[in-house]
Amino acid sequence: MGLSIWQLMLVAVLFLLMFGRGKIPALMSDLAAGIKNFKSGLRDDELERTQASGQSGPKAESGRPEKENV
């Protein structure tokens, strides 16, 4: 019970009629911009997390603070 080529073509024609030729590129560019903003937000959150953990002071591998040579 798969979709035939005629059903897929009908859906494509209806899609074009509903949105028009001019709106489809605008929709795709808006979608791409949204994806880029989402990825940028994820990178910013990761950067904030690493900076927040780095602000607590330098720590050794074991989790203890490193001793300063005085």
PDB file of N, CA and C in Angstrom:
ATOM      1  N   MET A   1       0.827  -1.185   0.000  1.00  0.00           N
ATOM      2  CA  MET A   1       0.000   0.000   0.000  1.00  0.00           C
ATOM      3  C   MET A   1       0.872   1.250   0.000  1.00  0.00           C
ATOM      4  N   GLY A   2       1.880   1.269  -0.856  1.00  0.00           N
ATOM      5  CA  GLY A   2       2.740   2.441  -0.962  1.00  0.00           C
ATOM      6  C   GLY A   2       2.098   3.524  -1.809  1.00  0.00           C
ATOM      7  N   LEU A   3       2.721   4.652  -1.798  1.00  0.00           N
ATOM      8  CA  LEU A   3       2.232   5.772  -2.597  1.00  0.00           C
ATOM      9  C   LEU A   3       2.678   5.597  -4.042  1.00  0.00           C
ATOM     10  N   SER A   4       1.775   5.826  -4.957  1.00  0.00           N
ATOM     11  CA  SER A   4       2.131   5.733  -6.370  1.00  0.00           C
ATOM     12  C   SER A   4       2.700   7.071  -6.836  1.00  0.00           C
ATOM     13  N   ILE A   5       3.268   7.071  -8.018  1.00  0.00           N
ATOM     14  CA  ILE A   5       3.847   8.294  -8.567  1.00  0.00           C
ATOM     15  C   ILE A   5       2.779   9.354  -8.776  1.00  0.00           C
ATOM     16  N   TRP A   6       1.563   8.941  -9.124  1.00  0.00           N
ATOM     17  CA  TRP A   6       0.475   9.895  -9.355  1.00  0.00           C
ATOM     18  C   TRP A   6       0.059  10.581  -8.056  1.00  0.00           C
ATOM     19  N   GLN A   7       0.046   9.853  -6.980  1.00  0.00           N
ATOM     20  CA  GLN A   7      -0.305  10.451  -5.693  1.00  0.00           C
ATOM     21  C   GLN A   7       0.761  11.461  -5.254  1.00  0.00           C
ATOM     22  N   LEU A   8       2.022  11.110  -5.463  1.00  0.00           N
ATOM     23  CA  LEU A   8       3.106  12.029  -5.110  1.00  0.00           C
ATOM     24  C   LEU A   8       3.065  13.290  -5.970  1.00  0.00           C
ATOM     25  N   MET A   9       2.759  13.127  -7.252  1.00  0.00           N
ATOM     26  CA  MET A   9       2.655  14.288  -8.139  1.00  0.00           C
ATOM     27  C   MET A   9       1.487  15.179  -7.737  1.00  0.00           C
ATOM     28  N   LEU A  10       0.377  14.576  -7.339  1.00  0.00           N
ATOM     29  CA  LEU A  10      -0.786  15.347  -6.902  1.00  0.00           C
ATOM     30  C   LEU A  10      -0.451  16.162  -5.651  1.00  0.00           C
ATOM     31  N   VAL A  11       0.251  15.553  -4.721  1.00  0.00           N
ATOM     32  CA  VAL A  11       0.655  16.264  -3.505  1.00  0.00           C
ATOM     33  C   VAL A  11       1.591  17.421  -3.859  1.00  0.00           C
ATOM     34  N   ALA A  12       2.525  17.192  -4.780  1.00  0.00           N
ATOM     35  CA  ALA A  12       3.452  18.249  -5.189  1.00  0.00           C
ATOM     36  C   ALA A  12       2.716  19.406  -5.858  1.00  0.00           C
ATOM     37  N   VAL A  13       1.746  19.098  -6.721  1.00  0.00           N
ATOM     38  CA  VAL A  13       0.981  20.145  -7.400  1.00  0.00           C
ATOM     39  C   VAL A  13       0.157  20.934  -6.392  1.00  0.00           C
ATOM     40  N   LEU A  14      -0.469  20.257  -5.455  1.00  0.00           N
ATOM     41  CA  LEU A  14      -1.247  20.956  -4.431  1.00  0.00           C
ATOM     42  C   LEU A  14      -0.351  21.845  -3.572  1.00  0.00           C
ATOM     43  N   PHE A  15       0.829  21.357  -3.261  1.00  0.00           N
ATOM     44  CA  PHE A  15       1.787  22.141  -2.481  1.00  0.00           C
ATOM     45  C   PHE A  15       2.165  23.415  -3.232  1.00  0.00           C
ATOM     46  N   LEU A  16       2.434  23.277  -4.531  1.00  0.00           N
ATOM     47  CA  LEU A  16       2.781  24.449  -5.337  1.00  0.00           C
ATOM     48  C   LEU A  16       1.621  25.429  -5.441  1.00  0.00           C
ATOM     49  N   LEU A  17       0.410  24.908  -5.568  1.00  0.00           N
ATOM     50  CA  LEU A  17      -0.755  25.786  -5.660  1.00  0.00           C
ATOM     51  C   LEU A  17      -0.993  26.539  -4.353  1.00  0.00           C
ATOM     52  N   MET A  18      -0.779  25.868  -3.239  1.00  0.00           N
ATOM     53  CA  MET A  18      -1.029  26.495  -1.939  1.00  0.00           C
ATOM     54  C   MET A  18       0.005  27.574  -1.624  1.00  0.00           C
ATOM     55  N   PHE A  19       1.263  27.283  -1.887  1.00  0.00           N
ATOM     56  CA  PHE A  19       2.325  28.193  -1.467  1.00  0.00           C
ATOM     57  C   PHE A  19       2.851  29.064  -2.598  1.00  0.00           C
ATOM     58  N   GLY A  20       2.638  28.684  -3.818  1.00  0.00           N
ATOM     59  CA  GLY A  20       3.120  29.480  -4.941  1.00  0.00           C
ATOM     60  C   GLY A  20       4.611  29.322  -5.158  1.00  0.00           C
ATOM     61  N   ARG A  21       5.048  29.734  -6.341  1.00  0.00           N
ATOM     62  CA  ARG A  21       6.460  29.582  -6.686  1.00  0.00           C
ATOM     63  C   ARG A  21       7.350  30.490  -5.861  1.00  0.00           C
ATOM     64  N   GLY A  22       6.878  31.656  -5.520  1.00  0.00           N
ATOM     65  CA  GLY A  22       7.719  32.623  -4.816  1.00  0.00           C
ATOM     66  C   GLY A  22       7.905  32.332  -3.346  1.00  0.00           C
ATOM     67  N   LYS A  23       6.934  31.696  -2.734  1.00  0.00           N
ATOM     68  CA  LYS A  23       7.010  31.490  -1.287  1.00  0.00           C
ATOM     69  C   LYS A  23       7.883  30.304  -0.908  1.00  0.00           C
ATOM     70  N   ILE A  24       8.021  29.331  -1.789  1.00  0.00           N
ATOM     71  CA  ILE A  24       8.789  28.133  -1.440  1.00  0.00           C
ATOM     72  C   ILE A  24      10.258  28.475  -1.162  1.00  0.00           C
ATOM     73  N   PRO A  25      10.948  29.250  -2.012  1.00  0.00           N
ATOM     74  CA  PRO A  25      12.330  29.615  -1.664  1.00  0.00           C
ATOM     75  C   PRO A  25      12.422  30.415  -0.365  1.00  0.00           C
ATOM     76  N   ALA A  26      11.443  31.266  -0.122  1.00  0.00           N
ATOM     77  CA  ALA A  26      11.446  32.040   1.124  1.00  0.00           C
ATOM     78  C   ALA A  26      11.276  31.115   2.328  1.00  0.00           C
ATOM     79  N   LEU A  27      10.401  30.127   2.194  1.00  0.00           N
ATOM     80  CA  LEU A  27      10.210  29.164   3.281  1.00  0.00           C
ATOM     81  C   LEU A  27      11.488  28.372   3.540  1.00  0.00           C
ATOM     82  N   MET A  28      12.158  27.958   2.470  1.00  0.00           N
ATOM     83  CA  MET A  28      13.383  27.172   2.624  1.00  0.00           C
ATOM     84  C   MET A  28      14.503  28.017   3.240  1.00  0.00           C
ATOM     85  N   SER A  29      14.600  29.287   2.849  1.00  0.00           N
ATOM     86  CA  SER A  29      15.643  30.133   3.438  1.00  0.00           C
ATOM     87  C   SER A  29      15.354  30.407   4.909  1.00  0.00           C
ATOM     88  N   ASP A  30      14.088  30.576   5.255  1.00  0.00           N
ATOM     89  CA  ASP A  30      13.723  30.753   6.664  1.00  0.00           C
ATOM     90  C   ASP A  30      14.030  29.497   7.469  1.00  0.00           C
ATOM     91  N   LEU A  31      13.781  28.340   6.879  1.00  0.00           N
ATOM     92  CA  LEU A  31      14.079  27.077   7.547  1.00  0.00           C
ATOM     93  C   LEU A  31      15.584  26.940   7.765  1.00  0.00           C
ATOM     94  N   ALA A  32      16.372  27.268   6.741  1.00  0.00           N
ATOM     95  CA  ALA A  32      17.829  27.188   6.865  1.00  0.00           C
ATOM     96  C   ALA A  32      18.343  28.157   7.927  1.00  0.00           C
ATOM     97  N   ALA A  33      17.792  29.355   7.964  1.00  0.00           N
ATOM     98  CA  ALA A  33      18.208  30.330   8.974  1.00  0.00           C
ATOM     99  C   ALA A  33      17.852  29.839  10.373  1.00  0.00           C
ATOM    100  N   GLY A  34      16.701  29.215  10.519  1.00  0.00           N
ATOM    101  CA  GLY A  34      16.308  28.666  11.814  1.00  0.00           C
ATOM    102  C   GLY A  34      17.241  27.565  12.273  1.00  0.00           C
ATOM    103  N   ILE A  35      17.648  26.704  11.343  1.00  0.00           N
ATOM    104  CA  ILE A  35      18.573  25.621  11.688  1.00  0.00           C
ATOM    105  C   ILE A  35      19.926  26.201  12.094  1.00  0.00           C
ATOM    106  N   LYS A  36      20.404  27.207  11.360  1.00  0.00           N
ATOM    107  CA  LYS A  36      21.685  27.836  11.705  1.00  0.00           C
ATOM    108  C   LYS A  36      21.623  28.483  13.080  1.00  0.00           C
ATOM    109  N   ASN A  37      20.527  29.165  13.380  1.00  0.00           N
ATOM    110  CA  ASN A  37      20.376  29.796  14.693  1.00  0.00           C
ATOM    111  C   ASN A  37      20.322  28.759  15.801  1.00  0.00           C
ATOM    112  N   PHE A  38      19.669  27.639  15.544  1.00  0.00           N
ATOM    113  CA  PHE A  38      19.590  26.566  16.532  1.00  0.00           C
ATOM    114  C   PHE A  38      20.980  26.009  16.820  1.00  0.00           C
ATOM    115  N   LYS A  39      21.748  25.737  15.771  1.00  0.00           N
ATOM    116  CA  LYS A  39      23.100  25.212  15.958  1.00  0.00           C
ATOM    117  C   LYS A  39      23.983  26.224  16.672  1.00  0.00           C
ATOM    118  N   SER A  40      23.829  27.497  16.325  1.00  0.00           N
ATOM    119  CA  SER A  40      24.601  28.544  16.985  1.00  0.00           C
ATOM    120  C   SER A  40      24.255  28.615  18.469  1.00  0.00           C
ATOM    121  N   GLY A  41      22.986  28.471  18.784  1.00  0.00           N
ATOM    122  CA  GLY A  41      22.559  28.471  20.179  1.00  0.00           C
ATOM    123  C   GLY A  41      23.131  27.300  20.951  1.00  0.00           C
ATOM    124  N   LEU A  42      23.192  26.139  20.313  1.00  0.00           N
ATOM    125  CA  LEU A  42      23.782  24.978  20.974  1.00  0.00           C
ATOM    126  C   LEU A  42      25.260  25.215  21.251  1.00  0.00           C
ATOM    127  N   ARG A  43      25.972  25.796  20.276  1.00  0.00           N
ATOM    128  CA  ARG A  43      27.392  26.080  20.477  1.00  0.00           C
ATOM    129  C   ARG A  43      27.592  27.105  21.587  1.00  0.00           C
ATOM    130  N   ASP A  44      26.723  28.124  21.638  1.00  0.00           N
ATOM    131  CA  ASP A  44      26.829  29.142  22.684  1.00  0.00           C
ATOM    132  C   ASP A  44      26.596  28.537  24.061  1.00  0.00           C
ATOM    133  N   ASP A  45      25.618  27.643  24.176  1.00  0.00           N
ATOM    134  CA  ASP A  45      25.354  26.992  25.458  1.00  0.00           C
ATOM    135  C   ASP A  45      26.546  26.151  25.893  1.00  0.00           C
ATOM    136  N   GLU A  46      27.143  25.431  24.958  1.00  0.00           N
ATOM    137  CA  GLU A  46      28.303  24.610  25.285  1.00  0.00           C
ATOM    138  C   GLU A  46      29.471  25.492  25.708  1.00  0.00           C
ATOM    139  N   LEU A  47      29.657  26.619  25.035  1.00  0.00           N
ATOM    140  CA  LEU A  47      30.724  27.548  25.386  1.00  0.00           C
ATOM    141  C   LEU A  47      30.501  28.126  26.780  1.00  0.00           C
ATOM    142  N   GLU A  48      29.267  28.489  27.102  1.00  0.00           N
ATOM    143  CA  GLU A  48      28.956  29.020  28.430  1.00  0.00           C
ATOM    144  C   GLU A  48      29.213  27.975  29.505  1.00  0.00           C
ATOM    145  N   ARG A  49      28.871  26.713  29.216  1.00  0.00           N
ATOM    146  CA  ARG A  49      29.103  25.645  30.192  1.00  0.00           C
ATOM    147  C   ARG A  49      30.586  25.448  30.455  1.00  0.00           C
ATOM    148  N   THR A  50      31.390  25.458  29.391  1.00  0.00           N
ATOM    149  CA  THR A  50      32.823  25.258  29.591  1.00  0.00           C
ATOM    150  C   THR A  50      33.448  26.457  30.289  1.00  0.00           C
ATOM    151  N   GLN A  51      32.966  27.663  29.999  1.00  0.00           N
ATOM    152  CA  GLN A  51      33.493  28.838  30.680  1.00  0.00           C
ATOM    153  C   GLN A  51      33.077  28.849  32.142  1.00  0.00           C
ATOM    154  N   ALA A  52      31.863  28.426  32.442  1.00  0.00           N
ATOM    155  CA  ALA A  52      31.394  28.400  33.826  1.00  0.00           C
ATOM    156  C   ALA A  52      32.193  27.392  34.640  1.00  0.00           C
ATOM    157  N   SER A  53      32.504  26.254  34.056  1.00  0.00           N
ATOM    158  CA  SER A  53      33.281  25.263  34.793  1.00  0.00           C
ATOM    159  C   SER A  53      34.733  25.711  34.904  1.00  0.00           C
ATOM    160  N   GLY A  54      35.218  26.501  33.973  1.00  0.00           N
ATOM    161  CA  GLY A  54      36.585  27.006  34.019  1.00  0.00           C
ATOM    162  C   GLY A  54      36.747  28.146  35.000  1.00  0.00           C
ATOM    163  N   GLN A  55      35.697  28.841  35.359  1.00  0.00           N
ATOM    164  CA  GLN A  55      35.773  29.970  36.273  1.00  0.00           C
ATOM    165  C   GLN A  55      35.950  29.528  37.716  1.00  0.00           C
ATOM    166  N   SER A  56      35.661  28.280  38.015  1.00  0.00           N
ATOM    167  CA  SER A  56      35.786  27.819  39.391  1.00  0.00           C
ATOM    168  C   SER A  56      37.243  27.607  39.781  1.00  0.00           C
ATOM    169  N   GLY A  57      38.160  27.785  38.849  1.00  0.00           N
ATOM    170  CA  GLY A  57      39.575  27.657  39.141  1.00  0.00           C
ATOM    171  C   GLY A  57      40.154  26.455  38.435  1.00  0.00           C
ATOM    172  N   PRO A  58      41.457  26.477  38.221  1.00  0.00           N
ATOM    173  CA  PRO A  58      42.093  25.337  37.557  1.00  0.00           C
ATOM    174  C   PRO A  58      42.090  24.124  38.463  1.00  0.00           C
ATOM    175  N   LYS A  59      41.768  23.000  37.901  1.00  0.00           N
ATOM    176  CA  LYS A  59      41.721  21.767  38.678  1.00  0.00           C
ATOM    177  C   LYS A  59      42.571  20.717  37.993  1.00  0.00           C
ATOM    178  N   ALA A  60      43.114  19.842  38.783  1.00  0.00           N
ATOM    179  CA  ALA A  60      43.895  18.734  38.252  1.00  0.00           C
ATOM    180  C   ALA A  60      42.948  17.667  37.726  1.00  0.00           C
ATOM    181  N   GLU A  61      43.518  16.648  37.123  1.00  0.00           N
ATOM    182  CA  GLU A  61      42.721  15.557  36.567  1.00  0.00           C
ATOM    183  C   GLU A  61      41.876  14.868  37.632  1.00  0.00           C
ATOM    184  N   SER A  62      42.362  14.828  38.870  1.00  0.00           N
ATOM    185  CA  SER A  62      41.644  14.117  39.924  1.00  0.00           C
ATOM    186  C   SER A  62      40.477  14.924  40.477  1.00  0.00           C
ATOM    187  N   GLY A  63      40.356  16.180  40.089  1.00  0.00           N
ATOM    188  CA  GLY A  63      39.265  17.004  40.582  1.00  0.00           C
ATOM    189  C   GLY A  63      39.678  17.889  41.737  1.00  0.00           C
ATOM    190  N   ARG A  64      40.920  17.738  42.213  1.00  0.00           N
ATOM    191  CA  ARG A  64      41.419  18.582  43.295  1.00  0.00           C
ATOM    192  C   ARG A  64      42.096  19.809  42.705  1.00  0.00           C
ATOM    193  N   PRO A  65      42.039  20.935  43.411  1.00  0.00           N
ATOM    194  CA  PRO A  65      42.723  22.133  42.904  1.00  0.00           C
ATOM    195  C   PRO A  65      44.224  21.913  42.852  1.00  0.00           C
ATOM    196  N   GLU A  66      44.851  22.493  41.848  1.00  0.00           N
ATOM    197  CA  GLU A  66      46.298  22.374  41.736  1.00  0.00           C
ATOM    198  C   GLU A  66      46.963  23.290  42.754  1.00  0.00           C
ATOM    199  N   LYS A  67      48.111  22.858  43.244  1.00  0.00           N
ATOM    200  CA  LYS A  67      48.859  23.672  44.197  1.00  0.00           C
ATOM    201  C   LYS A  67      49.702  24.674  43.431  1.00  0.00           C
ATOM    202  N   GLU A  68      49.752  25.893  43.959  1.00  0.00           N
ATOM    203  CA  GLU A  68      50.570  26.922  43.337  1.00  0.00           C
ATOM    204  C   GLU A  68      51.954  26.893  43.958  1.00  0.00           C
ATOM    205  N   ASN A  69      52.969  27.053  43.120  1.00  0.00           N
ATOM    206  CA  ASN A  69      54.338  27.135  43.626  1.00  0.00           C
ATOM    207  C   ASN A  69      54.588  28.559  44.087  1.00  0.00           C
ATOM    208  N   VAL A  70      54.848  28.707  45.396  1.00  0.00           N
ATOM    209  CA  VAL A  70      55.064  30.041  45.957  1.00  0.00           C
ATOM    210  C   VAL A  70      56.490  30.195  46.379  1.00  0.00           C
TER     211      VAL A  70
END
